[in-house]
Amino acid sequence: MKNILFYSSDIMFSNSFLIYLQNKFNVTITTNIDDFKLIFCHTHSDIIIMDIEPSKAIEIICKDIHHIKSNIPIILTYVFNNRIKDFDDRIRKYVRSIFYKPIDIDEITNKLDSLAFKKT
């Protein structure tokens, strides 16, 4: 099974995601961004999902991940608003997909399937 590292400060959202995906993926969740960085550095992940609004700090994290392991797709989920438009535009060069909330779980599942099970 492919490994997904999932970060969200919302434990309920994290648990829902875990329950939904656990039959297809090994999912590691964390609600602490510092733990997320440690887990990323010390474990193998095939896909990263971050449920967080883009900011300068998140842009740096995504950029670092992209430079360290550019083959790992990063997916972001968040509520879009015009206040973060500049961050949204800049962060796209480091992430594979962005899903705006409310998310369509089938759309995310299809994306995860295409990333995890694509033929190389």
C-alpha atoms as a PDB file:
ATOM      1  CA  MET A   1       0.000   0.000   0.000  1.00  0.00           C
ATOM      2  CA  LYS A   2       1.075   3.551  -0.673  1.00  0.00           C
ATOM      3  CA  ASN A   3       1.829   5.852   2.260  1.00  0.00           C
ATOM      4  CA  ILE A   4       0.039   9.160   2.744  1.00  0.00           C
ATOM      5  CA  LEU A   5       1.219  11.765   5.227  1.00  0.00           C
ATOM      6  CA  PHE A   6      -1.724  13.970   6.182  1.00  0.00           C
ATOM      7  CA  TYR A   7      -1.563  17.211   8.147  1.00  0.00           C
ATOM      8  CA  SER A   8      -4.531  19.167   9.463  1.00  0.00           C
ATOM      9  CA  SER A   9      -5.050  21.134  12.645  1.00  0.00           C
ATOM     10  CA  ASP A  10      -8.629  19.811  12.601  1.00  0.00           C
ATOM     11  CA  ILE A  11      -8.593  16.412  14.328  1.00  0.00           C
ATOM     12  CA  MET A  12     -12.134  15.585  13.228  1.00  0.00           C
ATOM     13  CA  PHE A  13     -11.290  16.235   9.579  1.00  0.00           C
ATOM     14  CA  SER A  14      -8.092  14.207   9.962  1.00  0.00           C
ATOM     15  CA  ASN A  15      -9.922  11.250  11.467  1.00  0.00           C
ATOM     16  CA  SER A  16     -12.601  11.375   8.789  1.00  0.00           C
ATOM     17  CA  PHE A  17      -9.936  11.341   6.121  1.00  0.00           C
ATOM     18  CA  LEU A  18      -8.159   8.452   7.828  1.00  0.00           C
ATOM     19  CA  ILE A  19     -11.332   6.381   8.027  1.00  0.00           C
ATOM     20  CA  TYR A  20     -12.197   7.084   4.412  1.00  0.00           C
ATOM     21  CA  LEU A  21      -8.757   6.205   3.017  1.00  0.00           C
ATOM     22  CA  GLN A  22      -7.488   3.472   5.329  1.00  0.00           C
ATOM     23  CA  ASN A  23      -8.655   0.604   3.100  1.00  0.00           C
ATOM     24  CA  LYS A  24      -6.496   1.785   0.188  1.00  0.00           C
ATOM     25  CA  PHE A  25      -3.586   3.592   1.828  1.00  0.00           C
ATOM     26  CA  ASN A  26      -1.396   3.630   4.903  1.00  0.00           C
ATOM     27  CA  VAL A  27      -2.300   7.024   6.329  1.00  0.00           C
ATOM     28  CA  THR A  28      -0.281   8.850   8.958  1.00  0.00           C
ATOM     29  CA  ILE A  29      -2.027  11.879  10.388  1.00  0.00           C
ATOM     30  CA  THR A  30      -0.789  14.681  12.551  1.00  0.00           C
ATOM     31  CA  THR A  31      -2.336  17.867  13.848  1.00  0.00           C
ATOM     32  CA  ASN A  32       1.000  19.484  14.687  1.00  0.00           C
ATOM     33  CA  ILE A  33       3.014  21.133  11.903  1.00  0.00           C
ATOM     34  CA  ASP A  34       6.325  20.524  13.685  1.00  0.00           C
ATOM     35  CA  ASP A  35       5.476  16.820  13.998  1.00  0.00           C
ATOM     36  CA  PHE A  36       4.544  16.840  10.312  1.00  0.00           C
ATOM     37  CA  LYS A  37       8.048  18.069   9.412  1.00  0.00           C
ATOM     38  CA  LEU A  38       9.682  15.414  11.612  1.00  0.00           C
ATOM     39  CA  ILE A  39       7.525  12.626  10.216  1.00  0.00           C
ATOM     40  CA  PHE A  40       8.324  13.745   6.677  1.00  0.00           C
ATOM     41  CA  CYS A  41      12.052  13.747   7.392  1.00  0.00           C
ATOM     42  CA  HIS A  42      12.119  10.349   9.109  1.00  0.00           C
ATOM     43  CA  THR A  43       9.604   8.239   7.201  1.00  0.00           C
ATOM     44  CA  HIS A  44       8.716   7.396   3.623  1.00  0.00           C
ATOM     45  CA  SER A  45       5.651   9.056   2.133  1.00  0.00           C
ATOM     46  CA  ASP A  46       4.289   8.559  -1.371  1.00  0.00           C
ATOM     47  CA  ILE A  47       1.790  11.427  -1.172  1.00  0.00           C
ATOM     48  CA  ILE A  48       1.475  14.421   1.135  1.00  0.00           C
ATOM     49  CA  ILE A  49      -1.819  16.096   1.924  1.00  0.00           C
ATOM     50  CA  MET A  50      -1.906  19.320   3.884  1.00  0.00           C
ATOM     51  CA  ASP A  51      -5.157  20.821   5.055  1.00  0.00           C
ATOM     52  CA  ILE A  52      -3.961  24.346   5.640  1.00  0.00           C
ATOM     53  CA  GLU A  53      -4.352  27.789   4.175  1.00  0.00           C
ATOM     54  CA  PRO A  54      -1.287  28.907   2.230  1.00  0.00           C
ATOM     55  CA  SER A  55       1.042  31.363   3.910  1.00  0.00           C
ATOM     56  CA  LYS A  56       4.707  32.239   3.620  1.00  0.00           C
ATOM     57  CA  ALA A  57       5.571  29.487   6.122  1.00  0.00           C
ATOM     58  CA  ILE A  58       3.544  26.878   4.225  1.00  0.00           C
ATOM     59  CA  GLU A  59       5.059  28.019   0.942  1.00  0.00           C
ATOM     60  CA  ILE A  60       8.516  27.430   2.434  1.00  0.00           C
ATOM     61  CA  ILE A  61       7.536  23.954   3.672  1.00  0.00           C
ATOM     62  CA  CYS A  62       6.137  22.996   0.259  1.00  0.00           C
ATOM     63  CA  LYS A  63       9.203  24.416  -1.486  1.00  0.00           C
ATOM     64  CA  ASP A  64      11.519  22.451   0.827  1.00  0.00           C
ATOM     65  CA  ILE A  65       9.574  19.226   0.270  1.00  0.00           C
ATOM     66  CA  HIS A  66       9.607  19.808  -3.470  1.00  0.00           C
ATOM     67  CA  HIS A  67      13.366  20.365  -3.505  1.00  0.00           C
ATOM     68  CA  ILE A  68      14.151  17.429  -1.215  1.00  0.00           C
ATOM     69  CA  LYS A  69      11.821  14.908  -2.855  1.00  0.00           C
ATOM     70  CA  SER A  70      10.329  16.397  -6.004  1.00  0.00           C
ATOM     71  CA  ASN A  71       8.655  13.118  -6.937  1.00  0.00           C
ATOM     72  CA  ILE A  72       6.309  13.245  -3.925  1.00  0.00           C
ATOM     73  CA  PRO A  73       3.010  14.876  -4.889  1.00  0.00           C
ATOM     74  CA  ILE A  74       1.741  17.507  -2.479  1.00  0.00           C
ATOM     75  CA  ILE A  75      -1.987  18.179  -2.251  1.00  0.00           C
ATOM     76  CA  LEU A  76      -3.439  21.146  -0.377  1.00  0.00           C
ATOM     77  CA  THR A  77      -6.995  21.625   0.855  1.00  0.00           C
ATOM     78  CA  TYR A  78      -8.339  24.893   2.223  1.00  0.00           C
ATOM     79  CA  VAL A  79     -11.035  27.520   1.952  1.00  0.00           C
ATOM     80  CA  PHE A  80     -10.085  30.019  -0.731  1.00  0.00           C
ATOM     81  CA  ASN A  81     -10.471  33.729  -0.158  1.00  0.00           C
ATOM     82  CA  ASN A  82      -9.034  36.768  -1.919  1.00  0.00           C
ATOM     83  CA  ARG A  83      -6.782  37.591   1.023  1.00  0.00           C
ATOM     84  CA  ILE A  84      -4.569  34.589   0.199  1.00  0.00           C
ATOM     85  CA  LYS A  85      -4.691  34.887  -3.595  1.00  0.00           C
ATOM     86  CA  ASP A  86      -0.991  35.797  -3.896  1.00  0.00           C
ATOM     87  CA  PHE A  87       0.054  32.821  -1.755  1.00  0.00           C
ATOM     88  CA  ASP A  88      -2.325  30.596  -3.713  1.00  0.00           C
ATOM     89  CA  ASP A  89      -0.685  31.670  -6.979  1.00  0.00           C
ATOM     90  CA  ARG A  90       2.892  31.239  -5.717  1.00  0.00           C
ATOM     91  CA  ILE A  91       2.442  27.898  -3.993  1.00  0.00           C
ATOM     92  CA  ARG A  92       1.093  26.190  -7.117  1.00  0.00           C
ATOM     93  CA  LYS A  93       4.605  25.622  -8.486  1.00  0.00           C
ATOM     94  CA  TYR A  94       5.334  23.287  -5.553  1.00  0.00           C
ATOM     95  CA  VAL A  95       2.057  21.365  -5.245  1.00  0.00           C
ATOM     96  CA  ARG A  96       0.395  18.871  -7.525  1.00  0.00           C
ATOM     97  CA  SER A  97      -3.208  19.769  -6.695  1.00  0.00           C
ATOM     98  CA  ILE A  98      -5.277  22.170  -4.660  1.00  0.00           C
ATOM     99  CA  PHE A  99      -8.803  21.387  -3.557  1.00  0.00           C
ATOM    100  CA  TYR A 100     -10.918  24.207  -2.212  1.00  0.00           C
ATOM    101  CA  LYS A 101     -13.357  23.522   0.581  1.00  0.00           C
ATOM    102  CA  PRO A 102     -15.971  22.318   0.675  1.00  0.00           C
ATOM    103  CA  ILE A 103     -14.142  19.460  -0.998  1.00  0.00           C
ATOM    104  CA  ASP A 104     -15.606  16.758  -3.154  1.00  0.00           C
ATOM    105  CA  ILE A 105     -14.280  13.548  -1.588  1.00  0.00           C
ATOM    106  CA  ASP A 106     -14.776  11.631  -4.837  1.00  0.00           C
ATOM    107  CA  GLU A 107     -12.636  14.178  -6.683  1.00  0.00           C
ATOM    108  CA  ILE A 108      -9.840  13.824  -4.129  1.00  0.00           C
ATOM    109  CA  THR A 109     -10.125  10.036  -4.161  1.00  0.00           C
ATOM    110  CA  ASN A 110      -9.839   9.996  -7.956  1.00  0.00           C
ATOM    111  CA  LYS A 111      -6.768  12.225  -7.770  1.00  0.00           C
ATOM    112  CA  LEU A 112      -5.167  10.047  -5.095  1.00  0.00           C
ATOM    113  CA  ASP A 113      -5.870   6.923  -7.129  1.00  0.00           C
ATOM    114  CA  SER A 114      -4.324   8.463 -10.228  1.00  0.00           C
ATOM    115  CA  LEU A 115      -1.215   9.514  -8.275  1.00  0.00           C
ATOM    116  CA  ALA A 116      -0.818   6.320  -6.286  1.00  0.00           C
ATOM    117  CA  PHE A 117      -1.610   3.783  -8.948  1.00  0.00           C
ATOM    118  CA  LYS A 118      -0.297   5.399 -12.112  1.00  0.00           C
ATOM    119  CA  LYS A 119       1.898   3.268 -14.277  1.00  0.00           C
ATOM    120  CA  THR A 120       5.497   4.389 -14.507  1.00  0.00           C
END
